[in-house]
Amino acid sequence: MTTPTKVTFKRMTASPALEARIVELTERLTHVHDGVRRCDVVVELPHRHHRRGRAFHVRVHLHLDGPVADVIVSHDPGLDVAHDDPYVAVRDAFAAARRQLQDLVGRQRDAADALQTA
């Protein structure tokens, strides 16, 4: 089953190839946590900075099933010139989202183990 994914491009031209990559990365996240209901992604090209060029900002919002809080990753490029490439910025944002989901799964597993031993 495909997870509904909404991709929004701000201050840049929409890219079908980048959108397809985002959908693929979203599907990979469902292997980490099967409760991902929806994914909203914003890829934004902030105003051009005269010293740094154009670094992309990516925000990933994962809507999860159940009583757990949603996972929101707002990946600011900082001083990383690699984020001049939107694919690298998206990759890094989804890597951060994957780490947060893995932490969430670990906490849920620990809580379940604690209930069983109590």
N, C-alpha and C. Protein backbone atom coordinates (compact mmCIF):
# COMPACT_ATOMS: atom_id res chain seq x y z
N MET A 1 0.84 -1.18 0.00
CA MET A 1 0.00 0.00 0.00
C MET A 1 0.88 1.25 0.00
N THR A 2 0.54 2.20 -0.82
CA THR A 2 1.31 3.43 -0.93
C THR A 2 0.84 4.43 0.12
N THR A 3 1.80 5.03 0.80
CA THR A 3 1.50 6.04 1.80
C THR A 3 1.20 7.35 1.10
N PRO A 4 0.07 8.00 1.41
CA PRO A 4 -0.22 9.29 0.78
C PRO A 4 0.88 10.29 1.12
N THR A 5 1.42 10.90 0.08
CA THR A 5 2.52 11.85 0.25
C THR A 5 2.18 13.14 -0.49
N LYS A 6 2.24 14.24 0.25
CA LYS A 6 1.98 15.55 -0.34
C LYS A 6 3.30 16.31 -0.37
N VAL A 7 3.73 16.72 -1.55
CA VAL A 7 4.98 17.46 -1.70
C VAL A 7 4.65 18.87 -2.17
N THR A 8 5.21 19.84 -1.46
CA THR A 8 5.01 21.25 -1.80
C THR A 8 6.38 21.87 -2.08
N PHE A 9 6.47 22.59 -3.19
CA PHE A 9 7.69 23.30 -3.53
C PHE A 9 7.43 24.79 -3.34
N LYS A 10 8.29 25.45 -2.57
CA LYS A 10 8.13 26.89 -2.33
C LYS A 10 9.32 27.64 -2.92
N ARG A 11 9.01 28.71 -3.63
CA ARG A 11 10.00 29.59 -4.25
C ARG A 11 10.94 28.83 -5.19
N MET A 12 10.40 27.80 -5.83
CA MET A 12 11.17 27.04 -6.81
C MET A 12 10.21 26.31 -7.74
N THR A 13 10.72 25.87 -8.85
CA THR A 13 9.92 25.12 -9.82
C THR A 13 9.74 23.69 -9.33
N ALA A 14 8.52 23.19 -9.46
CA ALA A 14 8.25 21.80 -9.05
C ALA A 14 9.07 20.85 -9.91
N SER A 15 9.56 19.80 -9.27
CA SER A 15 10.38 18.80 -9.95
C SER A 15 9.73 17.42 -9.81
N PRO A 16 9.20 16.88 -10.90
CA PRO A 16 8.61 15.54 -10.82
C PRO A 16 9.61 14.47 -10.38
N ALA A 17 10.87 14.60 -10.78
CA ALA A 17 11.88 13.61 -10.39
C ALA A 17 12.15 13.69 -8.89
N LEU A 18 12.25 14.90 -8.35
CA LEU A 18 12.47 15.06 -6.91
C LEU A 18 11.25 14.58 -6.13
N GLU A 19 10.07 14.86 -6.65
CA GLU A 19 8.85 14.39 -6.00
C GLU A 19 8.80 12.86 -5.97
N ALA A 20 9.20 12.21 -7.06
CA ALA A 20 9.24 10.75 -7.10
C ALA A 20 10.23 10.20 -6.08
N ARG A 21 11.36 10.87 -5.93
CA ARG A 21 12.36 10.45 -4.94
C ARG A 21 11.81 10.58 -3.52
N ILE A 22 11.06 11.64 -3.26
CA ILE A 22 10.46 11.85 -1.95
C ILE A 22 9.44 10.76 -1.64
N VAL A 23 8.64 10.38 -2.62
CA VAL A 23 7.66 9.30 -2.44
C VAL A 23 8.39 7.99 -2.14
N GLU A 24 9.48 7.73 -2.84
CA GLU A 24 10.27 6.52 -2.61
C GLU A 24 10.84 6.51 -1.19
N LEU A 25 11.38 7.63 -0.74
CA LEU A 25 11.94 7.70 0.61
C LEU A 25 10.85 7.56 1.68
N THR A 26 9.66 8.07 1.40
CA THR A 26 8.54 7.91 2.32
C THR A 26 8.18 6.44 2.47
N GLU A 27 8.14 5.73 1.36
CA GLU A 27 7.82 4.30 1.40
C GLU A 27 8.87 3.53 2.21
N ARG A 28 10.11 3.93 2.12
CA ARG A 28 11.15 3.27 2.91
C ARG A 28 10.93 3.48 4.41
N LEU A 29 10.39 4.64 4.78
CA LEU A 29 10.14 4.91 6.20
C LEU A 29 9.06 3.99 6.76
N THR A 30 8.16 3.51 5.91
CA THR A 30 7.11 2.63 6.40
C THR A 30 7.66 1.27 6.82
N HIS A 31 8.89 0.96 6.40
CA HIS A 31 9.53 -0.28 6.84
C HIS A 31 10.06 -0.14 8.27
N VAL A 32 10.31 1.09 8.69
CA VAL A 32 10.80 1.35 10.04
C VAL A 32 9.62 1.37 11.02
N HIS A 33 8.53 2.03 10.63
CA HIS A 33 7.34 2.15 11.48
C HIS A 33 6.13 1.98 10.59
N ASP A 34 5.33 0.96 10.85
CA ASP A 34 4.20 0.66 9.96
C ASP A 34 2.99 1.55 10.22
N GLY A 35 3.09 2.48 11.17
CA GLY A 35 1.96 3.35 11.48
C GLY A 35 2.01 4.70 10.78
N VAL A 36 2.82 4.84 9.74
CA VAL A 36 2.89 6.10 9.01
C VAL A 36 1.65 6.18 8.12
N ARG A 37 0.76 7.14 8.44
CA ARG A 37 -0.49 7.29 7.68
C ARG A 37 -0.32 8.21 6.49
N ARG A 38 0.46 9.28 6.68
CA ARG A 38 0.59 10.30 5.64
C ARG A 38 1.91 11.02 5.84
N CYS A 39 2.44 11.58 4.77
CA CYS A 39 3.69 12.33 4.84
C CYS A 39 3.52 13.62 4.05
N ASP A 40 3.78 14.74 4.72
CA ASP A 40 3.76 16.05 4.06
C ASP A 40 5.19 16.57 4.02
N VAL A 41 5.65 16.95 2.83
CA VAL A 41 7.02 17.42 2.67
C VAL A 41 6.99 18.78 1.99
N VAL A 42 7.78 19.71 2.54
CA VAL A 42 7.95 21.02 1.92
C VAL A 42 9.42 21.18 1.56
N VAL A 43 9.68 21.45 0.30
CA VAL A 43 11.04 21.74 -0.16
C VAL A 43 11.04 23.22 -0.54
N GLU A 44 11.92 23.96 0.12
CA GLU A 44 11.89 25.41 -0.03
C GLU A 44 13.28 25.94 -0.38
N LEU A 45 13.28 26.88 -1.28
CA LEU A 45 14.50 27.59 -1.61
C LEU A 45 14.41 28.95 -0.93
N PRO A 46 15.08 29.12 0.21
CA PRO A 46 15.01 30.40 0.91
C PRO A 46 15.57 31.52 0.04
N HIS A 47 15.35 32.73 0.50
CA HIS A 47 15.89 33.87 -0.24
C HIS A 47 17.39 33.71 -0.39
N ARG A 48 17.87 34.10 -1.51
CA ARG A 48 19.30 33.95 -1.81
C ARG A 48 20.14 34.79 -0.85
N HIS A 49 21.15 34.16 -0.30
CA HIS A 49 22.09 34.84 0.58
C HIS A 49 23.32 35.19 -0.24
N HIS A 50 23.80 36.40 -0.13
CA HIS A 50 24.87 36.84 -1.01
C HIS A 50 26.20 36.11 -0.80
N ARG A 51 26.40 35.48 0.35
CA ARG A 51 27.67 34.78 0.59
C ARG A 51 27.56 33.28 0.40
N ARG A 52 26.41 32.73 0.62
CA ARG A 52 26.29 31.29 0.67
C ARG A 52 25.69 30.66 -0.57
N GLY A 53 25.02 31.38 -1.40
CA GLY A 53 24.37 30.74 -2.53
C GLY A 53 22.97 30.30 -2.19
N ARG A 54 22.55 29.16 -2.71
CA ARG A 54 21.17 28.73 -2.53
C ARG A 54 21.10 27.36 -1.86
N ALA A 55 20.92 27.36 -0.59
CA ALA A 55 20.79 26.12 0.17
C ALA A 55 19.31 25.82 0.38
N PHE A 56 18.91 24.58 0.15
CA PHE A 56 17.51 24.19 0.26
C PHE A 56 17.15 23.82 1.69
N HIS A 57 15.93 24.16 2.06
CA HIS A 57 15.38 23.82 3.37
C HIS A 57 14.28 22.79 3.13
N VAL A 58 14.29 21.69 3.92
CA VAL A 58 13.31 20.63 3.74
C VAL A 58 12.62 20.37 5.08
N ARG A 59 11.29 20.26 5.04
CA ARG A 59 10.50 19.95 6.23
C ARG A 59 9.69 18.70 5.94
N VAL A 60 9.81 17.69 6.83
CA VAL A 60 9.10 16.42 6.68
C VAL A 60 8.18 16.28 7.89
N HIS A 61 6.88 16.07 7.63
CA HIS A 61 5.89 15.87 8.69
C HIS A 61 5.26 14.51 8.46
N LEU A 62 5.55 13.58 9.39
CA LEU A 62 4.99 12.23 9.31
C LEU A 62 3.81 12.13 10.26
N HIS A 63 2.65 11.82 9.73
CA HIS A 63 1.44 11.63 10.53
C HIS A 63 1.37 10.15 10.88
N LEU A 64 1.33 9.84 12.19
CA LEU A 64 1.38 8.46 12.64
C LEU A 64 0.06 8.02 13.23
N ASP A 65 -0.21 6.70 13.17
CA ASP A 65 -1.39 6.10 13.81
C ASP A 65 -1.21 6.08 15.31
N GLY A 66 -2.33 6.02 15.99
CA GLY A 66 -2.29 5.80 17.43
C GLY A 66 -2.03 7.06 18.24
N PRO A 67 -1.75 6.85 19.52
CA PRO A 67 -1.61 7.97 20.44
C PRO A 67 -0.24 8.65 20.39
N VAL A 68 0.68 8.15 19.57
CA VAL A 68 2.02 8.74 19.53
C VAL A 68 2.00 10.06 18.79
N ALA A 69 2.92 10.92 19.15
CA ALA A 69 3.02 12.22 18.50
C ALA A 69 3.57 12.05 17.08
N ASP A 70 3.20 12.97 16.22
CA ASP A 70 3.73 12.95 14.86
C ASP A 70 5.23 13.24 14.90
N VAL A 71 5.91 12.84 13.84
CA VAL A 71 7.34 13.12 13.70
C VAL A 71 7.47 14.28 12.72
N ILE A 72 8.15 15.33 13.18
CA ILE A 72 8.36 16.51 12.34
C ILE A 72 9.85 16.79 12.30
N VAL A 73 10.38 16.83 11.09
CA VAL A 73 11.79 17.14 10.90
C VAL A 73 11.87 18.39 10.05
N SER A 74 12.53 19.39 10.57
CA SER A 74 12.76 20.61 9.83
C SER A 74 14.26 20.73 9.63
N HIS A 75 14.70 20.38 8.45
CA HIS A 75 16.14 20.29 8.20
C HIS A 75 16.64 21.59 7.59
N ASP A 76 17.27 22.39 8.44
CA ASP A 76 17.84 23.66 8.00
C ASP A 76 19.25 23.40 7.50
N PRO A 77 19.62 23.92 6.35
CA PRO A 77 20.92 23.60 5.78
C PRO A 77 22.11 24.12 6.56
N GLY A 78 21.93 25.13 7.38
CA GLY A 78 23.06 25.67 8.10
C GLY A 78 24.13 26.15 7.14
N LEU A 79 25.37 25.81 7.41
CA LEU A 79 26.47 26.24 6.55
C LEU A 79 26.91 25.16 5.57
N ASP A 80 26.15 24.09 5.45
CA ASP A 80 26.52 22.97 4.60
C ASP A 80 26.27 23.31 3.13
N VAL A 81 27.34 23.46 2.37
CA VAL A 81 27.19 23.79 0.95
C VAL A 81 26.63 22.63 0.15
N ALA A 82 26.63 21.42 0.72
CA ALA A 82 26.07 20.26 0.02
C ALA A 82 24.58 20.44 -0.20
N HIS A 83 23.94 21.26 0.64
CA HIS A 83 22.50 21.46 0.52
C HIS A 83 22.13 22.45 -0.59
N ASP A 84 23.11 22.79 -1.40
CA ASP A 84 22.81 23.53 -2.62
C ASP A 84 22.15 22.59 -3.63
N ASP A 85 22.24 21.30 -3.38
CA ASP A 85 21.59 20.27 -4.19
C ASP A 85 20.33 19.83 -3.45
N PRO A 86 19.14 19.99 -4.05
CA PRO A 86 17.91 19.63 -3.34
C PRO A 86 17.83 18.13 -3.00
N TYR A 87 18.45 17.27 -3.81
CA TYR A 87 18.42 15.84 -3.53
C TYR A 87 19.20 15.51 -2.25
N VAL A 88 20.30 16.20 -2.02
CA VAL A 88 21.09 16.00 -0.81
C VAL A 88 20.31 16.50 0.41
N ALA A 89 19.66 17.66 0.26
CA ALA A 89 18.87 18.21 1.36
C ALA A 89 17.72 17.27 1.72
N VAL A 90 17.05 16.71 0.72
CA VAL A 90 15.96 15.77 0.96
C VAL A 90 16.49 14.49 1.60
N ARG A 91 17.60 13.98 1.10
CA ARG A 91 18.21 12.77 1.67
C ARG A 91 18.52 12.96 3.15
N ASP A 92 19.12 14.10 3.50
CA ASP A 92 19.49 14.36 4.89
C ASP A 92 18.26 14.52 5.78
N ALA A 93 17.22 15.17 5.27
CA ALA A 93 15.99 15.33 6.05
C ALA A 93 15.33 13.98 6.31
N PHE A 94 15.29 13.12 5.30
CA PHE A 94 14.69 11.80 5.50
C PHE A 94 15.56 10.91 6.38
N ALA A 95 16.87 11.10 6.36
CA ALA A 95 17.75 10.34 7.27
C ALA A 95 17.45 10.75 8.71
N ALA A 96 17.22 12.04 8.95
CA ALA A 96 16.86 12.51 10.29
C ALA A 96 15.49 11.96 10.70
N ALA A 97 14.55 11.92 9.77
CA ALA A 97 13.22 11.37 10.07
C ALA A 97 13.32 9.88 10.40
N ARG A 98 14.16 9.16 9.67
CA ARG A 98 14.36 7.73 9.93
C ARG A 98 14.92 7.53 11.34
N ARG A 99 15.90 8.34 11.74
CA ARG A 99 16.47 8.23 13.09
C ARG A 99 15.41 8.49 14.15
N GLN A 100 14.57 9.50 13.92
CA GLN A 100 13.51 9.79 14.90
C GLN A 100 12.51 8.64 14.99
N LEU A 101 12.15 8.05 13.85
CA LEU A 101 11.23 6.91 13.87
C LEU A 101 11.86 5.71 14.57
N GLN A 102 13.14 5.46 14.33
CA GLN A 102 13.81 4.35 15.00
C GLN A 102 13.85 4.57 16.51
N ASP A 103 14.08 5.81 16.94
CA ASP A 103 14.05 6.11 18.38
C ASP A 103 12.65 5.87 18.94
N LEU A 104 11.64 6.27 18.20
CA LEU A 104 10.25 6.08 18.63
C LEU A 104 9.93 4.59 18.76
N VAL A 105 10.34 3.79 17.79
CA VAL A 105 10.09 2.35 17.83
C VAL A 105 10.81 1.74 19.03
N GLY A 106 12.03 2.19 19.30
CA GLY A 106 12.77 1.68 20.46
C GLY A 106 12.09 2.03 21.77
N ARG A 107 11.58 3.26 21.89
CA ARG A 107 10.87 3.65 23.11
C ARG A 107 9.59 2.85 23.27
N GLN A 108 8.87 2.60 22.18
CA GLN A 108 7.64 1.81 22.26
C GLN A 108 7.96 0.37 22.67
N ARG A 109 9.04 -0.18 22.13
CA ARG A 109 9.44 -1.54 22.48
C ARG A 109 9.83 -1.62 23.96
N ASP A 110 10.57 -0.61 24.44
CA ASP A 110 10.97 -0.59 25.85
C ASP A 110 9.75 -0.49 26.76
N ALA A 111 8.77 0.33 26.37
CA ALA A 111 7.55 0.48 27.18
C ALA A 111 6.77 -0.82 27.21
N ALA A 112 6.69 -1.52 26.07
CA ALA A 112 5.98 -2.80 26.02
C ALA A 112 6.69 -3.84 26.88
N ASP A 113 8.02 -3.85 26.84
CA ASP A 113 8.78 -4.78 27.66
C ASP A 113 8.58 -4.49 29.14
N ALA A 114 8.52 -3.23 29.50
CA ALA A 114 8.32 -2.85 30.90
C ALA A 114 6.95 -3.30 31.38
N LEU A 115 5.94 -3.21 30.53
CA LEU A 115 4.58 -3.65 30.91
C LEU A 115 4.53 -5.16 31.09
N GLN A 116 5.26 -5.89 30.26
CA GLN A 116 5.24 -7.35 30.35
C GLN A 116 5.95 -7.84 31.61
N THR A 117 6.99 -7.15 32.02
CA THR A 117 7.74 -7.58 33.20
C THR A 117 7.09 -7.11 34.50
N ALA A 118 6.16 -6.16 34.42
CA ALA A 118 5.53 -5.64 35.63
C ALA A 118 4.43 -6.55 36.14
